[in-house]
Amino acid sequence: MIEKYFCVKRNFMVYCLIMKNNYSSNNILARRIAFCSIMAALGTVIMLTGGLIPVFTYCSPLIAALLLVPVSQEYGKGYAWMVWLVTGILSLLIGIDKEASFFYLFLGYYPIVRSDLNRISSRLFRFAAKTVLFSAAVCGMYWLICYVFRIDDIINSFSASRIVNVAVLLAIVLCMHLYDRALVNLTGYYNSVLRPRLNRTGKKL
């Protein structure tokens, strides 16, 4: 009788431990999904401002892409890619400024892949790789807009001069390099200031 009692007690304790671990795992997963959903929703709202303020065509995608930094830092690149995809699709479906939506889809993922590019030891090759990425993304984006989707509003905004169009392309690539430098400070600020504060207050994401 005593042995049966201890056997039942042991099995009950094991069951409680398993249930506790399952609850903890489900709770962590729920927090991750909730946080990523909030980031995707906030990114979509920022993208919608591109249709309200014309100058935000290029600003809103870059600002929305900053939300991928905490997601990538806390939960990894897999969750960051999902947030990027959801934000891009929603902004493309319900957004007014399609050019801003395409810009986000073609370059908004840069905060995710930036760490991979920074592993290139040579500064010259690293700069060249980033320049090729920016240039290829912008050229591919406008090629799709002009020859596949044929969005007349965007096509009509192009200048008749090829020199002007090339100058605009170079300006976008230059802005992306400046954005890359800004990400250094913003990522460092998050890791050195915001993240420790959240951990100290017991509000770890």
N, C-alpha and C. Protein backbone atom coordinates (compact mmCIF):
# COMPACT_ATOMS: atom_id res chain seq x y z
N MET A 1 0.83 -1.19 0.00
CA MET A 1 0.00 0.00 0.00
C MET A 1 0.87 1.25 0.00
N ILE A 2 1.90 1.26 0.84
CA ILE A 2 2.80 2.41 0.91
C ILE A 2 3.55 2.61 -0.40
N GLU A 3 3.99 1.49 -0.98
CA GLU A 3 4.71 1.57 -2.24
C GLU A 3 3.80 2.10 -3.35
N LYS A 4 2.56 1.68 -3.34
CA LYS A 4 1.61 2.17 -4.34
C LYS A 4 1.36 3.66 -4.14
N TYR A 5 1.31 4.09 -2.89
CA TYR A 5 1.10 5.51 -2.61
C TYR A 5 2.23 6.36 -3.17
N PHE A 6 3.47 5.95 -2.89
CA PHE A 6 4.62 6.69 -3.38
C PHE A 6 4.73 6.64 -4.91
N CYS A 7 4.29 5.55 -5.49
CA CYS A 7 4.31 5.43 -6.95
C CYS A 7 3.32 6.41 -7.57
N VAL A 8 2.11 6.49 -6.99
CA VAL A 8 1.11 7.43 -7.49
C VAL A 8 1.58 8.87 -7.28
N LYS A 9 2.18 9.13 -6.15
CA LYS A 9 2.67 10.48 -5.85
C LYS A 9 3.76 10.89 -6.84
N ARG A 10 4.66 9.95 -7.12
CA ARG A 10 5.74 10.25 -8.06
C ARG A 10 5.20 10.51 -9.46
N ASN A 11 4.25 9.69 -9.89
CA ASN A 11 3.65 9.90 -11.21
C ASN A 11 2.91 11.23 -11.30
N PHE A 12 2.26 11.59 -10.19
CA PHE A 12 1.54 12.87 -10.17
C PHE A 12 2.52 14.04 -10.26
N MET A 13 3.65 13.94 -9.57
CA MET A 13 4.65 15.01 -9.61
C MET A 13 5.26 15.13 -11.01
N VAL A 14 5.49 13.99 -11.64
CA VAL A 14 6.01 14.01 -13.01
C VAL A 14 5.01 14.65 -13.95
N TYR A 15 3.74 14.31 -13.78
CA TYR A 15 2.68 14.89 -14.61
C TYR A 15 2.61 16.41 -14.41
N CYS A 16 2.70 16.86 -13.17
CA CYS A 16 2.65 18.30 -12.90
C CYS A 16 3.84 19.02 -13.53
N LEU A 17 5.01 18.38 -13.45
CA LEU A 17 6.20 18.99 -14.04
C LEU A 17 6.07 19.11 -15.55
N ILE A 18 5.53 18.08 -16.20
CA ILE A 18 5.33 18.12 -17.65
C ILE A 18 4.33 19.20 -18.03
N MET A 19 3.25 19.29 -17.28
CA MET A 19 2.24 20.30 -17.56
C MET A 19 2.80 21.71 -17.37
N LYS A 20 3.66 21.86 -16.36
CA LYS A 20 4.27 23.17 -16.12
C LYS A 20 5.18 23.57 -17.27
N ASN A 21 5.97 22.62 -17.76
CA ASN A 21 6.86 22.90 -18.88
C ASN A 21 6.08 23.22 -20.14
N ASN A 22 4.97 22.48 -20.36
CA ASN A 22 4.14 22.74 -21.54
C ASN A 22 3.50 24.11 -21.45
N TYR A 23 3.05 24.48 -20.25
CA TYR A 23 2.44 25.79 -20.07
C TYR A 23 3.46 26.90 -20.31
N SER A 24 4.69 26.68 -19.80
CA SER A 24 5.73 27.68 -19.99
C SER A 24 6.08 27.82 -21.47
N SER A 25 6.17 26.71 -22.19
CA SER A 25 6.48 26.76 -23.62
C SER A 25 5.37 27.46 -24.40
N ASN A 26 4.12 27.12 -24.08
CA ASN A 26 2.99 27.75 -24.76
C ASN A 26 2.94 29.25 -24.46
N ASN A 27 3.29 29.62 -23.22
CA ASN A 27 3.28 31.03 -22.84
C ASN A 27 4.34 31.81 -23.60
N ILE A 28 5.52 31.23 -23.75
CA ILE A 28 6.60 31.88 -24.50
C ILE A 28 6.21 32.04 -25.96
N LEU A 29 5.64 30.99 -26.54
CA LEU A 29 5.22 31.04 -27.94
C LEU A 29 4.13 32.09 -28.14
N ALA A 30 3.20 32.17 -27.19
CA ALA A 30 2.11 33.16 -27.28
C ALA A 30 2.66 34.58 -27.22
N ARG A 31 3.66 34.80 -26.35
CA ARG A 31 4.26 36.14 -26.26
C ARG A 31 5.00 36.50 -27.53
N ARG A 32 5.67 35.53 -28.12
CA ARG A 32 6.39 35.79 -29.37
C ARG A 32 5.42 36.15 -30.50
N ILE A 33 4.35 35.39 -30.60
CA ILE A 33 3.36 35.65 -31.65
C ILE A 33 2.70 37.01 -31.44
N ALA A 34 2.39 37.33 -30.17
CA ALA A 34 1.75 38.62 -29.88
C ALA A 34 2.68 39.78 -30.22
N PHE A 35 3.95 39.65 -29.83
CA PHE A 35 4.91 40.73 -30.10
C PHE A 35 5.11 40.92 -31.60
N CYS A 36 5.28 39.82 -32.32
CA CYS A 36 5.47 39.90 -33.77
C CYS A 36 4.23 40.45 -34.47
N SER A 37 3.06 40.10 -33.96
CA SER A 37 1.82 40.63 -34.54
C SER A 37 1.73 42.14 -34.34
N ILE A 38 2.13 42.60 -33.17
CA ILE A 38 2.11 44.04 -32.90
C ILE A 38 3.10 44.76 -33.81
N MET A 39 4.28 44.20 -33.98
CA MET A 39 5.28 44.82 -34.86
C MET A 39 4.79 44.86 -36.31
N ALA A 40 4.14 43.79 -36.77
CA ALA A 40 3.62 43.76 -38.14
C ALA A 40 2.50 44.78 -38.32
N ALA A 41 1.61 44.88 -37.31
CA ALA A 41 0.52 45.85 -37.39
C ALA A 41 1.05 47.28 -37.37
N LEU A 42 2.02 47.53 -36.50
CA LEU A 42 2.61 48.88 -36.43
C LEU A 42 3.35 49.22 -37.72
N GLY A 43 4.06 48.23 -38.27
CA GLY A 43 4.74 48.46 -39.53
C GLY A 43 3.77 48.76 -40.66
N THR A 44 2.63 48.09 -40.68
CA THR A 44 1.62 48.35 -41.70
C THR A 44 1.05 49.75 -41.57
N VAL A 45 0.81 50.19 -40.34
CA VAL A 45 0.30 51.54 -40.11
C VAL A 45 1.31 52.58 -40.62
N ILE A 46 2.58 52.34 -40.33
CA ILE A 46 3.62 53.27 -40.82
C ILE A 46 3.65 53.28 -42.34
N MET A 47 3.49 52.10 -42.95
CA MET A 47 3.50 52.03 -44.41
C MET A 47 2.32 52.78 -45.01
N LEU A 48 1.20 52.78 -44.33
CA LEU A 48 0.01 53.48 -44.87
C LEU A 48 0.21 54.98 -44.92
N THR A 49 1.14 55.52 -44.11
CA THR A 49 1.40 56.95 -44.16
C THR A 49 2.07 57.36 -45.46
N GLY A 50 2.68 56.38 -46.16
CA GLY A 50 3.30 56.68 -47.44
C GLY A 50 2.30 57.19 -48.46
N GLY A 51 1.04 56.77 -48.35
CA GLY A 51 0.02 57.23 -49.28
C GLY A 51 -0.60 58.55 -48.88
N LEU A 52 -0.37 58.97 -47.63
CA LEU A 52 -0.93 60.22 -47.15
C LEU A 52 0.02 61.39 -47.34
N ILE A 53 1.31 61.12 -47.17
CA ILE A 53 2.33 62.16 -47.31
C ILE A 53 3.28 61.75 -48.42
N PRO A 54 3.32 62.46 -49.54
CA PRO A 54 4.11 62.02 -50.70
C PRO A 54 5.58 61.79 -50.39
N VAL A 55 6.19 62.61 -49.54
CA VAL A 55 7.61 62.48 -49.25
C VAL A 55 7.92 61.19 -48.49
N PHE A 56 6.88 60.58 -47.92
CA PHE A 56 7.06 59.35 -47.15
C PHE A 56 7.15 58.10 -48.03
N THR A 57 7.15 58.27 -49.33
CA THR A 57 7.23 57.10 -50.22
C THR A 57 8.46 56.26 -49.90
N TYR A 58 9.58 56.91 -49.66
CA TYR A 58 10.80 56.20 -49.33
C TYR A 58 11.10 56.19 -47.85
N CYS A 59 10.52 57.14 -47.11
CA CYS A 59 10.78 57.21 -45.66
C CYS A 59 10.02 56.13 -44.89
N SER A 60 8.75 55.95 -45.23
CA SER A 60 7.93 55.00 -44.47
C SER A 60 8.45 53.56 -44.54
N PRO A 61 8.93 53.06 -45.71
CA PRO A 61 9.46 51.69 -45.72
C PRO A 61 10.69 51.54 -44.83
N LEU A 62 11.57 52.56 -44.82
CA LEU A 62 12.78 52.47 -44.02
C LEU A 62 12.47 52.56 -42.52
N ILE A 63 11.47 53.37 -42.17
CA ILE A 63 11.07 53.46 -40.76
C ILE A 63 10.41 52.16 -40.32
N ALA A 64 9.53 51.62 -41.17
CA ALA A 64 8.86 50.36 -40.84
C ALA A 64 9.87 49.22 -40.70
N ALA A 65 10.92 49.25 -41.50
CA ALA A 65 11.94 48.20 -41.44
C ALA A 65 12.70 48.22 -40.12
N LEU A 66 12.73 49.37 -39.44
CA LEU A 66 13.42 49.44 -38.15
C LEU A 66 12.77 48.53 -37.11
N LEU A 67 11.49 48.25 -37.28
CA LEU A 67 10.79 47.38 -36.33
C LEU A 67 11.29 45.95 -36.40
N LEU A 68 12.00 45.61 -37.46
CA LEU A 68 12.57 44.26 -37.57
C LEU A 68 13.78 44.08 -36.68
N VAL A 69 14.37 45.18 -36.23
CA VAL A 69 15.58 45.09 -35.39
C VAL A 69 15.28 44.41 -34.05
N PRO A 70 14.29 44.89 -33.26
CA PRO A 70 14.01 44.19 -31.99
C PRO A 70 13.51 42.77 -32.18
N VAL A 71 12.75 42.52 -33.25
CA VAL A 71 12.27 41.16 -33.50
C VAL A 71 13.44 40.22 -33.77
N SER A 72 14.37 40.68 -34.60
CA SER A 72 15.53 39.86 -34.92
C SER A 72 16.43 39.67 -33.71
N GLN A 73 16.59 40.71 -32.91
CA GLN A 73 17.47 40.63 -31.74
C GLN A 73 16.90 39.72 -30.66
N GLU A 74 15.59 39.72 -30.50
CA GLU A 74 14.96 38.96 -29.42
C GLU A 74 14.65 37.52 -29.82
N TYR A 75 14.12 37.33 -31.01
CA TYR A 75 13.60 36.01 -31.38
C TYR A 75 14.26 35.38 -32.59
N GLY A 76 15.20 36.08 -33.21
CA GLY A 76 15.90 35.50 -34.34
C GLY A 76 15.36 35.96 -35.68
N LYS A 77 16.10 35.60 -36.72
CA LYS A 77 15.77 36.07 -38.06
C LYS A 77 14.50 35.42 -38.62
N GLY A 78 14.18 34.21 -38.17
CA GLY A 78 12.99 33.55 -38.69
C GLY A 78 11.73 34.36 -38.40
N TYR A 79 11.58 34.83 -37.17
CA TYR A 79 10.42 35.65 -36.81
C TYR A 79 10.48 37.00 -37.53
N ALA A 80 11.68 37.55 -37.70
CA ALA A 80 11.81 38.83 -38.40
C ALA A 80 11.39 38.71 -39.86
N TRP A 81 11.73 37.60 -40.50
CA TRP A 81 11.30 37.39 -41.89
C TRP A 81 9.78 37.30 -41.99
N MET A 82 9.15 36.67 -41.00
CA MET A 82 7.69 36.57 -41.03
C MET A 82 7.04 37.94 -40.86
N VAL A 83 7.59 38.76 -39.96
CA VAL A 83 7.06 40.11 -39.78
C VAL A 83 7.22 40.92 -41.06
N TRP A 84 8.39 40.81 -41.69
CA TRP A 84 8.63 41.52 -42.95
C TRP A 84 7.62 41.08 -44.02
N LEU A 85 7.39 39.79 -44.14
CA LEU A 85 6.48 39.28 -45.17
C LEU A 85 5.05 39.74 -44.92
N VAL A 86 4.58 39.63 -43.69
CA VAL A 86 3.21 40.04 -43.36
C VAL A 86 3.02 41.54 -43.59
N THR A 87 3.99 42.33 -43.13
CA THR A 87 3.90 43.78 -43.32
C THR A 87 3.89 44.15 -44.79
N GLY A 88 4.76 43.51 -45.57
CA GLY A 88 4.83 43.81 -47.00
C GLY A 88 3.56 43.44 -47.74
N ILE A 89 3.00 42.27 -47.44
CA ILE A 89 1.78 41.84 -48.13
C ILE A 89 0.60 42.73 -47.75
N LEU A 90 0.47 43.03 -46.46
CA LEU A 90 -0.65 43.88 -46.03
C LEU A 90 -0.55 45.28 -46.63
N SER A 91 0.64 45.85 -46.64
CA SER A 91 0.80 47.19 -47.21
C SER A 91 0.54 47.18 -48.71
N LEU A 92 0.88 46.09 -49.37
CA LEU A 92 0.63 45.99 -50.82
C LEU A 92 -0.85 45.84 -51.12
N LEU A 93 -1.57 45.15 -50.22
CA LEU A 93 -3.00 44.91 -50.45
C LEU A 93 -3.86 46.12 -50.10
N ILE A 94 -3.56 46.77 -48.99
CA ILE A 94 -4.43 47.84 -48.52
C ILE A 94 -3.79 49.22 -48.60
N GLY A 95 -2.51 49.28 -48.93
CA GLY A 95 -1.83 50.56 -49.01
C GLY A 95 -2.18 51.33 -50.27
N ILE A 96 -2.10 52.65 -50.17
CA ILE A 96 -2.40 53.51 -51.32
C ILE A 96 -1.16 53.67 -52.19
N ASP A 97 -0.02 53.88 -51.56
CA ASP A 97 1.23 54.09 -52.30
C ASP A 97 1.88 52.74 -52.60
N LYS A 98 1.66 52.24 -53.81
CA LYS A 98 2.21 50.94 -54.18
C LYS A 98 3.72 50.98 -54.33
N GLU A 99 4.25 52.13 -54.69
CA GLU A 99 5.70 52.25 -54.82
C GLU A 99 6.38 52.06 -53.47
N ALA A 100 5.80 52.61 -52.42
CA ALA A 100 6.34 52.42 -51.07
C ALA A 100 6.25 50.96 -50.65
N SER A 101 5.16 50.30 -51.01
CA SER A 101 4.99 48.89 -50.67
C SER A 101 6.04 48.03 -51.37
N PHE A 102 6.28 48.30 -52.65
CA PHE A 102 7.30 47.56 -53.38
C PHE A 102 8.69 47.84 -52.82
N PHE A 103 8.91 49.08 -52.44
CA PHE A 103 10.20 49.44 -51.86
C PHE A 103 10.46 48.67 -50.58
N TYR A 104 9.41 48.50 -49.77
CA TYR A 104 9.55 47.73 -48.52
C TYR A 104 9.82 46.26 -48.83
N LEU A 105 9.13 45.71 -49.80
CA LEU A 105 9.31 44.31 -50.14
C LEU A 105 10.70 44.03 -50.71
N PHE A 106 11.26 44.99 -51.42
CA PHE A 106 12.55 44.77 -52.07
C PHE A 106 13.74 45.19 -51.20
N LEU A 107 13.53 46.08 -50.23
CA LEU A 107 14.66 46.53 -49.41
C LEU A 107 14.34 46.58 -47.91
N GLY A 108 13.08 46.36 -47.54
CA GLY A 108 12.73 46.43 -46.12
C GLY A 108 13.34 45.33 -45.27
N TYR A 109 13.80 44.27 -45.90
CA TYR A 109 14.40 43.16 -45.17
C TYR A 109 15.86 43.42 -44.81
N TYR A 110 16.40 44.56 -45.23
CA TYR A 110 17.84 44.79 -45.06
C TYR A 110 18.32 44.67 -43.61
N PRO A 111 17.58 45.16 -42.60
CA PRO A 111 18.04 44.96 -41.22
C PRO A 111 18.24 43.50 -40.84
N ILE A 112 17.59 42.59 -41.54
CA ILE A 112 17.73 41.16 -41.24
C ILE A 112 19.03 40.61 -41.81
N VAL A 113 19.34 40.98 -43.04
CA VAL A 113 20.52 40.42 -43.72
C VAL A 113 21.77 41.24 -43.48
N ARG A 114 21.64 42.37 -42.81
CA ARG A 114 22.79 43.25 -42.61
C ARG A 114 23.92 42.56 -41.86
N SER A 115 23.56 41.78 -40.84
CA SER A 115 24.60 41.10 -40.04
C SER A 115 25.37 40.09 -40.89
N ASP A 116 24.70 39.47 -41.84
CA ASP A 116 25.38 38.51 -42.73
C ASP A 116 26.37 39.23 -43.64
N LEU A 117 25.98 40.38 -44.16
CA LEU A 117 26.88 41.14 -45.02
C LEU A 117 28.07 41.69 -44.23
N ASN A 118 27.85 42.02 -42.98
CA ASN A 118 28.93 42.57 -42.17
C ASN A 118 29.98 41.52 -41.81
N ARG A 119 29.70 40.27 -42.07
CA ARG A 119 30.70 39.23 -41.82
C ARG A 119 31.81 39.22 -42.87
N ILE A 120 31.61 39.93 -43.95
CA ILE A 120 32.66 40.05 -44.97
C ILE A 120 33.81 40.85 -44.37
N SER A 121 34.95 40.25 -44.29
CA SER A 121 36.08 40.87 -43.58
C SER A 121 36.60 42.12 -44.29
N SER A 122 36.69 42.09 -45.60
CA SER A 122 37.21 43.23 -46.35
C SER A 122 36.18 44.35 -46.40
N ARG A 123 36.60 45.54 -46.00
CA ARG A 123 35.68 46.68 -46.02
C ARG A 123 35.26 47.03 -47.43
N LEU A 124 36.20 46.91 -48.38
CA LEU A 124 35.89 47.22 -49.78
C LEU A 124 34.87 46.24 -50.34
N PHE A 125 35.09 44.95 -50.12
CA PHE A 125 34.15 43.94 -50.61
C PHE A 125 32.80 44.05 -49.93
N ARG A 126 32.82 44.40 -48.64
CA ARG A 126 31.56 44.56 -47.91
C ARG A 126 30.76 45.73 -48.48
N PHE A 127 31.44 46.84 -48.76
CA PHE A 127 30.77 47.99 -49.36
C PHE A 127 30.24 47.65 -50.76
N ALA A 128 31.04 46.90 -51.52
CA ALA A 128 30.63 46.51 -52.87
C ALA A 128 29.42 45.59 -52.83
N ALA A 129 29.41 44.64 -51.88
CA ALA A 129 28.28 43.70 -51.78
C ALA A 129 26.99 44.45 -51.43
N LYS A 130 27.08 45.41 -50.53
CA LYS A 130 25.90 46.17 -50.17
C LYS A 130 25.42 47.04 -51.33
N THR A 131 26.37 47.61 -52.06
CA THR A 131 25.99 48.43 -53.22
C THR A 131 25.31 47.59 -54.28
N VAL A 132 25.82 46.40 -54.53
CA VAL A 132 25.20 45.50 -55.51
C VAL A 132 23.79 45.11 -55.05
N LEU A 133 23.64 44.82 -53.76
CA LEU A 133 22.32 44.46 -53.24
C LEU A 133 21.33 45.61 -53.41
N PHE A 134 21.72 46.81 -53.02
CA PHE A 134 20.83 47.97 -53.14
C PHE A 134 20.47 48.23 -54.59
N SER A 135 21.48 48.22 -55.47
CA SER A 135 21.25 48.53 -56.88
C SER A 135 20.36 47.47 -57.54
N ALA A 136 20.65 46.20 -57.28
CA ALA A 136 19.86 45.12 -57.88
C ALA A 136 18.42 45.16 -57.38
N ALA A 137 18.22 45.46 -56.09
CA ALA A 137 16.87 45.51 -55.53
C ALA A 137 16.06 46.64 -56.17
N VAL A 138 16.67 47.82 -56.29
CA VAL A 138 15.96 48.96 -56.85
C VAL A 138 15.66 48.73 -58.33
N CYS A 139 16.64 48.24 -59.08
CA CYS A 139 16.43 47.98 -60.51
C CYS A 139 15.36 46.89 -60.71
N GLY A 140 15.42 45.83 -59.92
CA GLY A 140 14.42 44.78 -60.02
C GLY A 140 13.04 45.26 -59.66
N MET A 141 12.96 46.14 -58.66
CA MET A 141 11.66 46.67 -58.25
C MET A 141 11.02 47.48 -59.37
N TYR A 142 11.78 48.40 -59.95
CA TYR A 142 11.21 49.25 -61.00
C TYR A 142 10.99 48.47 -62.31
N TRP A 143 11.78 47.43 -62.54
CA TRP A 143 11.53 46.60 -63.72
C TRP A 143 10.18 45.89 -63.60
N LEU A 144 9.89 45.37 -62.41
CA LEU A 144 8.59 44.73 -62.20
C LEU A 144 7.45 45.73 -62.32
N ILE A 145 7.67 46.93 -61.76
CA ILE A 145 6.62 47.95 -61.81
C ILE A 145 6.34 48.36 -63.25
N CYS A 146 7.38 48.47 -64.06
CA CYS A 146 7.22 48.98 -65.43
C CYS A 146 6.78 47.90 -66.43
N TYR A 147 7.34 46.70 -66.30
CA TYR A 147 7.14 45.70 -67.36
C TYR A 147 6.24 44.53 -66.96
N VAL A 148 5.98 44.34 -65.67
CA VAL A 148 5.13 43.24 -65.24
C VAL A 148 3.79 43.78 -64.73
N PHE A 149 3.83 44.64 -63.72
CA PHE A 149 2.59 45.17 -63.16
C PHE A 149 2.09 46.40 -63.93
N ARG A 150 3.01 47.11 -64.59
CA ARG A 150 2.67 48.27 -65.40
C ARG A 150 1.75 49.25 -64.65
N ILE A 151 2.29 49.79 -63.56
CA ILE A 151 1.55 50.77 -62.77
C ILE A 151 1.79 52.14 -63.39
N ASP A 152 0.80 52.65 -64.10
CA ASP A 152 0.96 53.86 -64.90
C ASP A 152 1.33 55.08 -64.06
N ASP A 153 0.76 55.19 -62.84
CA ASP A 153 1.04 56.36 -62.01
C ASP A 153 2.53 56.46 -61.69
N ILE A 154 3.17 55.32 -61.46
CA ILE A 154 4.60 55.33 -61.14
C ILE A 154 5.42 55.52 -62.41
N ILE A 155 5.00 54.88 -63.50
CA ILE A 155 5.73 55.00 -64.76
C ILE A 155 5.73 56.44 -65.25
N ASN A 156 4.60 57.12 -65.12
CA ASN A 156 4.51 58.52 -65.58
C ASN A 156 5.34 59.47 -64.75
N SER A 157 5.72 59.04 -63.54
CA SER A 157 6.53 59.91 -62.68
C SER A 157 8.00 59.90 -63.07
N PHE A 158 8.40 58.96 -63.94
CA PHE A 158 9.78 58.90 -64.37
C PHE A 158 10.08 60.06 -65.33
N SER A 159 11.33 60.47 -65.27
CA SER A 159 11.77 61.53 -66.18
C SER A 159 12.09 60.94 -67.55
N ALA A 160 11.94 61.78 -68.58
CA ALA A 160 12.28 61.34 -69.94
C ALA A 160 13.79 61.21 -70.13
N SER A 161 14.54 61.85 -69.26
CA SER A 161 15.99 61.81 -69.35
C SER A 161 16.54 60.62 -68.58
N ARG A 162 17.35 59.82 -69.25
CA ARG A 162 17.97 58.67 -68.57
C ARG A 162 18.96 59.12 -67.52
N ILE A 163 19.58 60.25 -67.76
CA ILE A 163 20.56 60.76 -66.79
C ILE A 163 19.88 61.06 -65.46
N VAL A 164 18.71 61.66 -65.53
CA VAL A 164 17.97 61.97 -64.30
C VAL A 164 17.57 60.68 -63.59
N ASN A 165 17.10 59.69 -64.33
CA ASN A 165 16.69 58.42 -63.73
C ASN A 165 17.88 57.71 -63.07
N VAL A 166 19.02 57.74 -63.73
CA VAL A 166 20.22 57.14 -63.15
C VAL A 166 20.64 57.90 -61.89
N ALA A 167 20.51 59.22 -61.93
CA ALA A 167 20.86 60.03 -60.76
C ALA A 167 19.94 59.69 -59.58
N VAL A 168 18.67 59.45 -59.86
CA VAL A 168 17.73 59.07 -58.80
C VAL A 168 18.12 57.71 -58.22
N LEU A 169 18.50 56.77 -59.10
CA LEU A 169 18.94 55.45 -58.64
C LEU A 169 20.16 55.57 -57.74
N LEU A 170 21.13 56.37 -58.14
CA LEU A 170 22.34 56.55 -57.33
C LEU A 170 22.01 57.21 -55.99
N ALA A 171 21.04 58.14 -56.02
CA ALA A 171 20.64 58.80 -54.78
C ALA A 171 20.00 57.81 -53.81
N ILE A 172 19.19 56.89 -54.34
CA ILE A 172 18.56 55.88 -53.48
C ILE A 172 19.62 54.97 -52.88
N VAL A 173 20.60 54.57 -53.70
CA VAL A 173 21.68 53.70 -53.20
C VAL A 173 22.48 54.43 -52.13
N LEU A 174 22.75 55.71 -52.34
CA LEU A 174 23.47 56.50 -51.33
C LEU A 174 22.67 56.59 -50.03
N CYS A 175 21.37 56.81 -50.15
CA CYS A 175 20.52 56.88 -48.95
C CYS A 175 20.52 55.55 -48.20
N MET A 176 20.57 54.44 -48.92
CA MET A 176 20.61 53.14 -48.27
C MET A 176 21.91 52.94 -47.51
N HIS A 177 23.01 53.46 -48.04
CA HIS A 177 24.28 53.39 -47.31
C HIS A 177 24.22 54.24 -46.04
N LEU A 178 23.58 55.40 -46.12
CA LEU A 178 23.40 56.22 -44.92
C LEU A 178 22.48 55.52 -43.92
N TYR A 179 21.48 54.86 -44.44
CA TYR A 179 20.57 54.07 -43.59
C TYR A 179 21.33 52.94 -42.89
N ASP A 180 22.27 52.34 -43.61
CA ASP A 180 23.10 51.29 -43.02
C ASP A 180 23.91 51.83 -41.86
N ARG A 181 24.46 53.03 -42.02
CA ARG A 181 25.22 53.64 -40.92
C ARG A 181 24.31 53.97 -39.74
N ALA A 182 23.08 54.40 -40.03
CA ALA A 182 22.14 54.71 -38.95
C ALA A 182 21.77 53.45 -38.17
N LEU A 183 21.69 52.32 -38.86
CA LEU A 183 21.34 51.06 -38.19
C LEU A 183 22.40 50.66 -37.17
N VAL A 184 23.64 51.05 -37.41
CA VAL A 184 24.71 50.74 -36.45
C VAL A 184 24.39 51.38 -35.10
N ASN A 185 24.05 52.67 -35.13
CA ASN A 185 23.74 53.39 -33.89
C ASN A 185 22.43 52.92 -33.27
N LEU A 186 21.41 52.69 -34.11
CA LEU A 186 20.11 52.30 -33.58
C LEU A 186 20.14 50.90 -32.96
N THR A 187 20.84 49.97 -33.62
CA THR A 187 20.97 48.62 -33.07
C THR A 187 21.78 48.64 -31.78
N GLY A 188 22.85 49.44 -31.77
CA GLY A 188 23.65 49.56 -30.55
C GLY A 188 22.86 50.18 -29.41
N TYR A 189 22.03 51.17 -29.72
CA TYR A 189 21.20 51.80 -28.69
C TYR A 189 20.20 50.81 -28.11
N TYR A 190 19.62 50.01 -28.97
CA TYR A 190 18.66 49.02 -28.49
C TYR A 190 19.33 47.99 -27.58
N ASN A 191 20.48 47.48 -28.00
CA ASN A 191 21.16 46.44 -27.22
C ASN A 191 21.76 46.98 -25.92
N SER A 192 22.22 48.22 -25.94
CA SER A 192 22.91 48.75 -24.75
C SER A 192 22.00 49.50 -23.79
N VAL A 193 20.88 50.03 -24.28
CA VAL A 193 20.01 50.86 -23.43
C VAL A 193 18.64 50.22 -23.23
N LEU A 194 17.91 50.01 -24.32
CA LEU A 194 16.53 49.54 -24.20
C LEU A 194 16.45 48.12 -23.68
N ARG A 195 17.26 47.22 -24.24
CA ARG A 195 17.17 45.82 -23.85
C ARG A 195 17.50 45.61 -22.36
N PRO A 196 18.59 46.18 -21.83
CA PRO A 196 18.85 46.01 -20.39
C PRO A 196 17.76 46.59 -19.49
N ARG A 197 17.15 47.69 -19.92
CA ARG A 197 16.08 48.28 -19.11
C ARG A 197 14.88 47.35 -19.05
N LEU A 198 14.54 46.74 -20.18
CA LEU A 198 13.42 45.82 -20.18
C LEU A 198 13.71 44.60 -19.31
N ASN A 199 14.95 44.13 -19.33
CA ASN A 199 15.31 42.98 -18.50
C ASN A 199 15.30 43.30 -17.02
N ARG A 200 15.77 44.51 -16.67
CA ARG A 200 15.80 44.89 -15.25
C ARG A 200 14.41 45.06 -14.67
N THR A 201 13.48 45.54 -15.49
CA THR A 201 12.12 45.76 -15.00
C THR A 201 11.27 44.50 -15.08
N GLY A 202 11.89 43.40 -15.53
CA GLY A 202 11.15 42.16 -15.59
C GLY A 202 10.17 42.09 -16.73
N LYS A 203 10.41 42.89 -17.75
CA LYS A 203 9.51 42.92 -18.89
C LYS A 203 10.21 42.40 -20.13
N LYS A 204 10.99 41.40 -19.97
CA LYS A 204 11.70 40.82 -21.11
C LYS A 204 10.72 40.30 -22.14
N LEU A 205 11.00 40.65 -23.38
CA LEU A 205 10.06 40.27 -24.44
C LEU A 205 10.01 38.79 -24.65
